[in-house]
C-alpha cells in the first residue's frame, strides 16, 4: 500500500551515548555497513518513478539533478507505528502490513540510504539500468561548463562527499567480486567532480550564514547573539552526531540558562550530577545546530556557517490540566509539570537555491512523520533469527511521529541531555565542561582533526595532489 502526499519523513538526532558503538563500527569494519553473507536479506528500496526533479536547477534533466536523483530519491518499504491509526492492525505497536513512502531526498540526510546495516543504497546505483545512467550523469557533470553559484557548488560537494565516503569501503567478498570494479569507476568520477567544483577558501568564507533566516522567519532562538542567554558548550569529543556523519559536518550544542549565573563554569560543572534528579534544572532550553564542512580548492578542510539542521527543545512549566498525554511531561516536586516544546528545521537545497533569503530551512512539527531507529534515515535494524542456519534479516523501518523519535533518545518527557548523561565509575574525575566561543568554529576544528585521520579522506586528497600527515 502506498501512502499519499509528500510527507516529510526525517532522520532525527542520534543518541549521544551511541558514540562508542559508532567508533567501534569504524574501527572493526572500516565501513558503515554490518557484515553480510549469502544468507543475508536486505529491506526493500527502489528508485522513484518519474525521474529527476528540479533541485539544483530548473531543468530536471540537468546533470546535477540527475546525480541528486540517484543519490537521494527512493521508494521505501516500511511499517507504521500505532501513532498512525491508518496502519491497523498492529502487533506490539507496529503495523502488520507494509506500506510504501516516496522520498525525494531534499532534506538533511546522507545519500545512498539505507546504508548502515545494509548495502541497499550502494547496490541500487551500481546495478543496471541505474548504473549506466548514474555514471553518465557524473561524466556529463565533469564535462559541462555550466556556471554554478558558490552555494550550489558547496551543497553539491557535500552531497558527493557523503556518497564518496559510503562507496569508498568495499562490499562483502561475494558482492565486491561482482560490483567492485563498478564501485571503483563511480568513486573515481565522484572524486574528480568533488575536486572540480571545490571552492576557494575565500569563496567558502563568504558563503551565506543561513541561521539568522530561521530566527527571522521561524522565530527560532538567536543562539549566536551576544547576551542572549544561550551558551555553546562541549564536554567530550567526538560526539555521536559528528562521528556518524563521518566528520563531514559538525554539531554545536547550546544551553539557554534560566537566569544569569555569577559563576557559569560552576553551573556547567554541575550539569552531569543533575541528570538523575532534574536534568533541565536551571535551563530554559537546549539547541543543536548542525553545520557543514567543505573541502576547498587546495584540498584543505574548512568550516562553514551553512546550517543543515536545527533541533531546539524549549522547556516550560505547565499544570496538570494543561498537558496532553502526548506531551510526556515530567512531574515536579511542587506538583507542576515540565514539558518540552520542539522547534525543528532542516535544509531544502531547492528552496535555498531558489530563495537564498529564506536560508533554505523548512520547519516541522511534533506530529511530522519520522523514521524510528538510531543510526540514520529510513534504516531498519537487524533481527536475530536465533541460529546459524537462519537467514539474517533487517526489519523494514518504522514510521513514528517526530516527537516519538525524539523520545527514543531523550525520554518521553524530552528532558534527557545525552551530552551529560554518561555513566561515571567511582573515583573517576572527568574533564570540565567547556564553554565555547560561539563566534568561532571550535567543534568544526575538532571534526577536521578527526576527518584528516580517516582513510577515505586520505584517498580523496590524491585528487587534490596532496596528502595530510597520518596520525
Protein backbone atom coordinates (compact mmCIF):
# COMPACT_ATOMS: atom_id res chain seq x y z
CA UNK A 1 0.00 0.00 0.00
CA UNK A 2 1.35 3.42 -0.92
CA UNK A 3 0.61 6.40 1.30
CA UNK A 4 -0.48 9.59 -0.48
CA UNK A 5 1.10 13.00 -0.21
CA UNK A 6 4.57 14.38 0.28
CA UNK A 7 5.01 13.76 4.00
CA UNK A 8 8.47 14.71 5.13
CA UNK A 9 9.88 11.66 6.88
CA UNK A 10 13.06 12.68 8.53
CA UNK A 11 16.14 11.48 10.22
CA UNK A 12 16.29 12.62 13.83
CA UNK A 13 19.26 13.07 16.10
CA UNK A 14 21.33 10.12 17.27
CA UNK A 15 21.63 9.38 20.94
CA UNK A 16 24.96 10.74 22.04
CA UNK A 17 25.59 7.62 24.09
CA UNK A 18 25.94 5.68 20.81
CA UNK A 19 29.28 7.34 20.09
CA UNK A 20 31.34 4.38 21.29
CA UNK A 21 29.29 2.00 19.16
CA UNK A 22 29.84 4.10 16.05
CA UNK A 23 33.56 4.32 16.66
CA UNK A 24 33.62 0.54 17.10
CA UNK A 25 31.90 0.02 13.72
CA UNK A 26 34.51 2.21 12.04
CA UNK A 27 37.44 0.54 13.78
CA UNK A 28 36.36 -3.06 13.24
CA UNK A 29 34.62 -2.95 9.87
CA UNK A 30 36.02 0.18 8.25
CA UNK A 31 32.55 0.70 6.86
CA UNK A 32 29.09 1.95 7.72
CA UNK A 33 27.58 -1.45 6.93
CA UNK A 34 27.48 -4.53 9.09
CA UNK A 35 28.89 -7.80 7.84
CA UNK A 36 26.73 -9.58 5.31
CA UNK A 37 26.83 -13.06 3.80
CA UNK A 38 25.00 -15.19 1.28
CA UNK A 39 22.08 -15.73 3.66
CA UNK A 40 21.51 -12.01 4.13
CA UNK A 41 18.13 -10.48 3.24
CA UNK A 42 18.09 -6.68 2.85
CA UNK A 43 14.99 -4.48 3.20
CA UNK A 44 13.41 -3.24 0.01
CA UNK A 45 14.09 0.16 -1.54
CA UNK A 46 13.87 1.36 -5.12
CA UNK A 47 14.47 4.46 -7.19
CA UNK A 48 11.47 6.74 -7.56
CA UNK A 49 9.29 6.62 -10.63
CA UNK A 50 9.17 9.74 -12.75
CA UNK A 51 12.89 10.52 -12.87
CA UNK A 52 14.83 13.51 -11.56
CA UNK A 53 13.24 16.60 -10.03
CA UNK A 54 14.29 20.24 -10.33
CA UNK A 55 16.53 20.57 -7.26
CA UNK A 56 19.78 22.20 -8.36
CA UNK A 57 18.35 23.89 -11.47
CA UNK A 58 15.01 24.38 -13.19
CA UNK A 59 15.79 21.70 -15.78
CA UNK A 60 15.11 18.22 -14.34
CA UNK A 61 17.47 16.74 -16.94
CA UNK A 62 20.39 18.85 -15.75
CA UNK A 63 23.29 16.57 -14.84
CA UNK A 64 23.30 17.76 -11.22
CA UNK A 65 19.59 16.96 -10.85
CA UNK A 66 20.23 13.51 -12.30
CA UNK A 67 23.08 12.93 -9.84
CA UNK A 68 20.87 14.02 -6.96
CA UNK A 69 18.14 11.64 -8.10
CA UNK A 70 20.41 8.61 -7.97
CA UNK A 71 21.93 9.60 -4.64
CA UNK A 72 18.75 10.51 -2.78
CA UNK A 73 15.38 9.70 -4.38
CA UNK A 74 13.93 6.45 -3.07
CA UNK A 75 10.74 4.48 -2.59
CA UNK A 76 10.95 2.99 0.87
CA UNK A 77 9.06 -0.03 2.19
CA UNK A 78 8.14 0.46 5.84
CA UNK A 79 5.72 -0.27 8.68
CA UNK A 80 3.65 2.23 10.68
CA UNK A 81 3.62 2.64 14.44
CA UNK A 82 0.29 2.81 16.24
CA UNK A 83 0.70 6.59 16.33
CA UNK A 84 -0.80 6.36 12.82
CA UNK A 85 -4.24 4.63 13.04
CA UNK A 86 -4.33 4.01 9.29
CA UNK A 87 -1.66 1.36 9.83
CA UNK A 88 -4.01 -1.01 11.72
CA UNK A 89 -3.92 -3.86 12.55
CA UNK A 90 -0.93 -3.60 14.90
CA UNK A 91 1.13 -6.12 16.84
CA UNK A 92 3.27 -4.74 19.66
CA UNK A 93 2.51 -1.24 18.40
CA UNK A 94 3.70 -1.88 14.82
CA UNK A 95 1.59 -2.45 11.71
CA UNK A 96 1.38 -5.99 10.37
CA UNK A 97 1.13 -4.59 6.84
CA UNK A 98 3.87 -2.97 4.77
CA UNK A 99 3.48 0.49 3.27
CA UNK A 100 5.47 2.46 0.70
CA UNK A 101 6.70 6.03 1.02
CA UNK A 102 8.29 8.19 -1.66
CA UNK A 103 11.33 10.19 -0.55
CA UNK A 104 12.64 12.86 -2.93
CA UNK A 105 15.53 13.28 -0.51
CA UNK A 106 15.80 17.08 -0.43
CA UNK A 107 16.49 17.31 3.30
CA UNK A 108 19.26 16.96 5.89
CA UNK A 109 20.18 13.33 5.20
CA UNK A 110 23.12 11.39 3.80
CA UNK A 111 22.95 9.87 0.30
CA UNK A 112 22.66 6.22 -0.73
CA UNK A 113 20.40 5.30 2.15
CA UNK A 114 19.79 2.78 3.57
CA UNK A 115 23.48 2.10 4.07
CA UNK A 116 24.16 1.44 7.76
CA UNK A 117 23.07 -2.14 8.34
CA UNK A 118 22.64 -2.87 4.64
CA UNK A 119 24.21 -2.05 1.29
CA UNK A 120 20.90 -1.44 -0.45
CA UNK A 121 21.70 2.14 -1.45
CA UNK A 122 25.06 1.17 -2.96
CA UNK A 123 23.55 -1.78 -4.81
CA UNK A 124 20.88 0.39 -6.42
CA UNK A 125 23.30 2.75 -8.16
CA UNK A 126 25.82 0.07 -9.15
CA UNK A 127 23.32 -2.25 -10.79
CA UNK A 128 21.92 -1.71 -14.29
CA UNK A 129 19.91 0.03 -15.55
CA UNK A 130 20.71 2.62 -12.83
CA UNK A 131 24.48 2.21 -13.05
CA UNK A 132 24.80 3.25 -16.71
CA UNK A 133 22.67 6.37 -16.32
CA UNK A 134 24.20 7.35 -12.97
CA UNK A 135 27.67 7.03 -14.47
CA UNK A 136 26.61 9.17 -17.44
CA UNK A 137 25.22 11.86 -15.14
CA UNK A 138 28.56 12.07 -13.33
CA UNK A 139 30.51 12.17 -16.59
CA UNK A 140 28.21 14.86 -18.01
CA UNK A 141 28.76 16.98 -14.89
CA UNK A 142 32.52 16.62 -15.32
CA UNK A 143 32.33 17.57 -19.00
CA UNK A 144 29.95 20.51 -18.85
CA UNK A 145 30.91 24.17 -18.47
CA UNK A 146 27.72 25.32 -16.77
CA UNK A 147 28.33 28.18 -14.35
CA UNK A 148 27.13 27.20 -10.88
CA UNK A 149 26.81 29.52 -7.91
CA UNK A 150 29.19 29.07 -4.96
CA UNK A 151 26.22 28.00 -2.83
CA UNK A 152 25.17 25.31 -5.33
CA UNK A 153 28.74 24.04 -5.55
CA UNK A 154 29.01 23.89 -1.76
CA UNK A 155 25.79 21.91 -1.37
CA UNK A 156 26.62 19.52 -4.21
CA UNK A 157 30.11 18.90 -2.87
CA UNK A 158 28.59 17.99 0.48
CA UNK A 159 26.24 15.52 -1.24
CA UNK A 160 29.02 13.97 -3.31
CA UNK A 161 31.34 13.77 -0.31
CA UNK A 162 28.81 11.68 1.58
CA UNK A 163 28.48 9.33 -1.40
CA UNK A 164 32.26 9.10 -1.72
CA UNK A 165 32.70 8.02 1.88
CA UNK A 166 29.99 5.36 1.62
CA UNK A 167 31.28 3.97 -1.68
CA UNK A 168 34.91 4.04 -0.54
CA UNK A 169 34.53 0.86 1.52
CA UNK A 170 34.26 -2.45 -0.37
CA UNK A 171 31.25 -4.72 -0.33
CA UNK A 172 31.45 -8.10 1.39
CA UNK A 173 33.55 -10.50 -0.68
CA UNK A 174 30.87 -12.01 -2.95
CA UNK A 175 29.33 -8.65 -3.88
CA UNK A 176 32.71 -6.99 -4.27
CA UNK A 177 33.67 -9.60 -6.84
CA UNK A 178 30.64 -8.61 -8.94
CA UNK A 179 30.44 -4.89 -8.21
CA UNK A 180 33.91 -3.85 -7.07
CA UNK A 181 35.09 -2.61 -10.46
CA UNK A 182 31.90 -0.58 -10.97
CA UNK A 183 32.27 0.85 -7.47
CA UNK A 184 35.83 1.97 -8.28
CA UNK A 185 34.72 3.64 -11.53
CA UNK A 186 31.94 5.61 -9.83
CA UNK A 187 34.21 6.50 -6.91
CA UNK A 188 36.76 7.93 -9.34
CA UNK A 189 34.12 10.05 -11.11
CA UNK A 190 32.76 11.36 -7.82
CA UNK A 191 36.24 12.22 -6.54
CA UNK A 192 37.06 14.13 -9.71
CA UNK A 193 33.79 16.05 -9.52
CA UNK A 194 34.38 16.93 -5.85
CA UNK A 195 37.70 18.46 -6.93
CA UNK A 196 36.22 20.23 -9.96
CA UNK A 197 33.53 22.09 -8.00
CA UNK A 198 35.61 22.86 -4.90
CA UNK A 199 35.52 26.49 -3.78
CA UNK A 200 38.49 28.65 -2.87
CA UNK A 201 38.98 29.45 0.83
CA UNK A 202 37.79 32.99 0.12
CA UNK A 203 34.61 31.76 -1.57
CA UNK A 204 33.88 29.48 1.38
CA UNK A 205 34.40 32.37 3.77
CA UNK A 206 31.67 34.36 2.01
CA UNK A 207 29.06 31.61 1.82
CA UNK A 208 25.81 32.73 3.48
CA UNK A 209 25.08 32.23 7.15
CA UNK A 210 21.53 30.88 6.96
CA UNK A 211 20.78 30.51 10.67
CA UNK A 212 19.54 34.12 11.02
CA UNK A 213 16.82 33.33 8.46
CA UNK A 214 15.36 30.78 10.89
CA UNK A 215 15.45 33.43 13.61
CA UNK A 216 13.61 35.95 11.43
CA UNK A 217 11.11 33.73 9.67
CA UNK A 218 10.65 30.81 12.06
CA UNK A 219 11.00 32.52 15.48
CA UNK A 220 13.92 30.31 16.40
CA UNK A 221 16.10 31.50 19.29
CA UNK A 222 19.13 33.53 18.27
CA UNK A 223 21.65 31.25 19.94
CA UNK A 224 24.61 33.13 18.44
CA UNK A 225 23.58 36.57 19.74
CA UNK A 226 25.70 38.14 22.45
CA UNK A 227 23.95 38.32 25.85
CA UNK A 228 21.10 36.12 24.56
CA UNK A 229 21.41 33.73 27.49
CA UNK A 230 22.48 30.92 25.16
CA UNK A 231 25.96 29.49 25.60
CA UNK A 232 27.77 26.90 23.49
CA UNK A 233 29.27 24.00 25.44
CA UNK A 234 31.37 20.88 24.96
CA UNK A 235 32.17 18.04 27.32
CA UNK A 236 33.55 15.06 25.40
CA UNK A 237 34.61 14.73 21.78
CA UNK A 238 33.94 13.13 19.36
CA UNK A 239 30.19 13.43 19.53
CA UNK A 240 27.99 10.70 18.06
CA UNK A 241 26.39 13.19 15.67
CA UNK A 242 29.77 14.10 14.19
CA UNK A 243 31.03 10.51 14.18
CA UNK A 244 28.00 9.20 12.37
CA UNK A 245 28.30 12.00 9.80
CA UNK A 246 31.82 10.83 9.05
CA UNK A 247 33.08 14.21 10.34
CA UNK A 248 31.77 15.92 7.19
CA UNK A 249 29.68 18.21 9.37
CA UNK A 250 29.66 19.24 12.99
CA UNK A 251 27.01 19.62 15.67
CA UNK A 252 27.07 22.57 18.06
CA UNK A 253 25.31 22.32 21.43
CA UNK A 254 23.81 25.39 23.11
CA UNK A 255 22.21 25.75 26.55
CA UNK A 256 19.78 28.53 27.47
CA UNK A 257 20.16 29.49 31.12
CA UNK A 258 17.04 30.43 33.09
CA UNK A 259 18.86 33.30 34.74
CA UNK A 260 22.34 34.83 34.70
CA UNK A 261 24.93 32.89 36.66
CA UNK A 262 27.63 34.58 38.69
CA UNK A 263 29.81 31.51 38.10
CA UNK A 264 28.88 29.97 34.75
CA UNK A 265 31.67 27.40 34.92
CA UNK A 266 30.42 26.11 38.27
CA UNK A 267 26.90 25.81 36.86
CA UNK A 268 28.19 23.86 33.85
CA UNK A 269 30.30 21.63 36.06
CA UNK A 270 27.15 20.57 37.92
CA UNK A 271 25.27 19.54 34.77
CA UNK A 272 26.33 15.84 34.85
CA UNK A 273 25.34 15.49 38.52
CA UNK A 274 21.85 16.88 37.85
CA UNK A 275 20.97 14.29 35.19
CA UNK A 276 19.48 11.78 37.64
CA UNK A 277 17.39 14.22 39.68
CA UNK A 278 16.39 17.08 37.37
CA UNK A 279 18.39 17.18 34.12
CA UNK A 280 16.96 20.52 32.98
CA UNK A 281 17.38 22.34 36.28
CA UNK A 282 18.39 25.94 35.60
CA UNK A 283 17.71 25.65 31.86
CA UNK A 284 15.04 27.14 29.63
CA UNK A 285 16.13 25.20 26.57
CA UNK A 286 18.77 23.34 24.57
CA UNK A 287 19.64 23.61 20.89
CA UNK A 288 21.68 21.55 18.45
CA UNK A 289 22.87 23.36 15.31
CA UNK A 290 24.47 21.24 12.57
CA UNK A 291 26.82 22.95 10.10
CA UNK A 292 28.60 21.65 7.01
CA UNK A 293 32.33 21.28 6.45
CA UNK A 294 33.77 21.66 2.94
CA UNK A 295 36.95 20.74 1.06
CA UNK A 296 38.50 23.83 -0.53
CA UNK A 297 40.25 24.00 -3.90
CA UNK A 298 43.59 23.12 -2.25
CA UNK A 299 42.19 20.03 -0.57
CA UNK A 300 42.03 21.60 2.88
CA UNK A 301 39.04 21.20 5.17
CA UNK A 302 37.15 24.35 6.04
CA UNK A 303 34.33 25.15 8.49
CA UNK A 304 31.24 26.94 7.20
CA UNK A 305 28.19 28.71 8.59
CA UNK A 306 25.88 26.66 6.32
CA UNK A 307 23.38 25.21 8.77
CA UNK A 308 21.74 21.99 7.58
CA UNK A 309 19.62 21.22 10.63
CA UNK A 310 18.36 22.90 13.81
CA UNK A 311 16.89 21.00 16.76
CA UNK A 312 15.56 23.03 19.70
CA UNK A 313 13.83 21.90 22.89
CA UNK A 314 12.28 24.72 24.94
CA UNK A 315 11.29 23.79 28.49
CA UNK A 316 8.20 25.23 30.14
CA UNK A 317 6.17 24.69 33.31
CA UNK A 318 2.58 23.50 32.94
CA UNK A 319 -0.29 22.48 35.21
CA UNK A 320 -1.88 19.06 35.13
CA UNK A 321 -4.99 20.41 33.40
CA UNK A 322 -2.98 21.99 30.57
CA UNK A 323 -0.93 18.99 29.48
CA UNK A 324 -1.82 16.31 26.94
CA UNK A 325 -0.81 12.64 27.13
CA UNK A 326 1.43 13.18 24.10
CA UNK A 327 3.40 15.85 26.00
CA UNK A 328 5.20 13.24 28.10
CA UNK A 329 5.56 15.89 30.78
CA UNK A 330 7.86 15.45 33.79
CA UNK A 331 6.13 15.84 37.19
CA UNK A 332 7.99 18.13 39.58
CA UNK A 333 8.15 18.12 43.39
CA UNK A 334 5.68 21.02 43.69
CA UNK A 335 3.01 19.24 41.64
CA UNK A 336 3.67 21.16 38.45
CA UNK A 337 4.93 19.61 35.22
CA UNK A 338 7.85 20.35 32.93
CA UNK A 339 7.32 19.77 29.23
CA UNK A 340 9.43 20.38 26.16
CA UNK A 341 8.28 22.28 23.10
CA UNK A 342 10.05 21.29 19.88
CA UNK A 343 11.33 23.53 17.12
CA UNK A 344 12.87 21.68 14.18
CA UNK A 345 14.22 22.90 10.85
CA UNK A 346 16.20 21.13 8.15
CA UNK A 347 17.65 22.23 4.86
CA UNK A 348 16.00 22.12 1.45
CA UNK A 349 18.55 22.65 -1.32
CA UNK A 350 15.86 23.62 -3.80
CA UNK A 351 14.42 26.30 -1.51
CA UNK A 352 17.85 27.61 -0.55
CA UNK A 353 18.97 27.97 -4.17
CA UNK A 354 15.72 29.47 -5.40
CA UNK A 355 15.18 31.78 -2.42
CA UNK A 356 18.55 32.39 -0.72
CA UNK A 357 17.00 34.90 1.67
CA UNK A 358 14.89 32.05 3.16
CA UNK A 359 18.01 30.25 4.33
CA UNK A 360 16.56 27.09 2.82
CA UNK A 361 15.34 25.91 6.23
CA UNK A 362 11.97 24.12 6.40
CA UNK A 363 10.18 23.81 9.73
CA UNK A 364 8.48 20.67 11.04
CA UNK A 365 6.18 19.99 13.99
CA UNK A 366 5.77 17.36 16.71
CA UNK A 367 3.49 15.17 14.63
CA UNK A 368 5.56 15.16 11.44
CA UNK A 369 6.22 11.58 10.29
CA UNK A 370 9.72 10.33 11.11
CA UNK A 371 11.61 7.04 10.99
CA UNK A 372 12.31 5.20 14.23
CA UNK A 373 15.80 3.94 14.93
CA UNK A 374 19.14 5.29 15.94
CA UNK A 375 21.53 5.01 13.01
CA UNK A 376 20.16 7.04 10.17
CA UNK A 377 17.38 7.81 7.76
CA UNK A 378 14.90 5.10 6.69
CA UNK A 379 17.01 2.38 8.30
CA UNK A 380 15.69 -0.92 9.58
CA UNK A 381 17.50 -2.79 12.32
CA UNK A 382 18.95 -6.34 12.38
CA UNK A 383 16.63 -9.07 13.60
CA UNK A 384 18.10 -12.06 15.44
CA UNK A 385 16.68 -15.20 13.83
CA UNK A 386 18.07 -17.48 16.51
CA UNK A 387 20.66 -19.72 14.95
CA UNK A 388 23.48 -20.09 12.40
CA UNK A 389 21.20 -21.73 9.85
CA UNK A 390 18.61 -18.95 9.96
CA UNK A 391 18.59 -16.10 7.46
CA UNK A 392 19.89 -12.78 8.74
CA UNK A 393 17.19 -10.16 8.41
CA UNK A 394 16.99 -6.41 8.67
CA UNK A 395 13.48 -5.30 9.57
CA UNK A 396 11.80 -2.57 7.49
CA UNK A 397 11.97 0.93 9.03
CA UNK A 398 9.07 2.02 11.23
CA UNK A 399 7.25 5.34 10.88
CA UNK A 400 6.72 7.24 14.13
CA UNK A 401 5.98 10.87 14.95
CA UNK A 402 8.85 13.30 15.20
CA UNK A 403 8.22 13.69 18.92
CA UNK A 404 8.27 9.91 19.27
CA UNK A 405 11.63 9.80 17.50
CA UNK A 406 12.98 12.41 19.90
CA UNK A 407 11.75 10.36 22.87
CA UNK A 408 13.83 7.42 21.67
CA UNK A 409 16.96 9.35 22.67
CA UNK A 410 15.68 11.89 25.18
CA UNK A 411 12.98 10.06 27.24
CA UNK A 412 9.24 10.55 26.91
CA UNK A 413 9.40 13.98 28.56
CA UNK A 414 12.32 15.02 26.27
CA UNK A 415 14.36 16.24 29.24
CA UNK A 416 17.29 13.85 28.81
CA UNK A 417 20.50 15.71 27.92
CA UNK A 418 22.66 12.99 26.41
CA UNK A 419 25.78 15.14 26.39
CA UNK A 420 25.86 14.90 30.18
CA UNK A 421 24.14 11.51 30.68
CA UNK A 422 27.31 9.46 30.84
CA UNK A 423 27.78 6.67 33.35
CA UNK A 424 30.74 7.54 35.53
CA UNK A 425 32.67 4.94 37.51
CA UNK A 426 33.58 5.68 41.13
CA UNK A 427 36.58 7.94 41.74
CA UNK A 428 36.67 8.99 38.09
CA UNK A 429 37.50 12.64 37.54
CA UNK A 430 36.14 13.68 34.15
CA UNK A 431 37.35 16.80 32.37
CA UNK A 432 35.43 20.02 33.00
CA UNK A 433 32.53 21.04 30.79
CA UNK A 434 33.88 23.68 28.42
CA UNK A 435 32.17 26.89 27.45
CA UNK A 436 32.97 27.62 23.80
CA UNK A 437 33.21 30.84 21.88
CA UNK A 438 30.16 30.78 19.61
CA UNK A 439 31.85 33.25 17.25
CA UNK A 440 34.44 30.60 16.45
CA UNK A 441 34.09 27.19 14.83
CA UNK A 442 35.63 25.24 17.71
CA UNK A 443 33.79 21.94 17.21
CA UNK A 444 34.38 22.21 13.45
CA UNK A 445 38.11 22.35 14.10
CA UNK A 446 37.85 19.19 16.19
CA UNK A 447 35.86 17.46 13.43
CA UNK A 448 38.50 18.49 10.89
CA UNK A 449 41.23 16.92 13.03
CA UNK A 450 39.27 13.67 13.13
CA UNK A 451 38.44 13.70 9.41
CA UNK A 452 42.05 14.16 8.40
CA UNK A 453 42.89 10.82 10.06
CA UNK A 454 40.42 8.80 8.01
CA UNK A 455 41.44 6.57 5.11
CA UNK A 456 38.62 7.71 2.86
CA UNK A 457 39.70 11.33 3.18
CA UNK A 458 43.34 10.46 2.57
CA UNK A 459 42.29 8.71 -0.65
CA UNK A 460 40.29 11.74 -1.76
CA UNK A 461 43.24 14.07 -1.21
CA UNK A 462 45.14 12.31 -4.01
CA UNK A 463 42.81 14.10 -6.43
CA UNK A 464 43.96 17.42 -4.95
CA UNK A 465 47.63 16.43 -5.39
CA UNK A 466 48.25 16.43 -1.65
CA UNK A 467 48.09 14.28 1.47
CA UNK A 468 47.85 15.05 5.14
CA UNK A 469 50.11 13.54 7.76
CA UNK A 470 48.55 10.31 9.02
CA UNK A 471 48.00 10.21 12.77
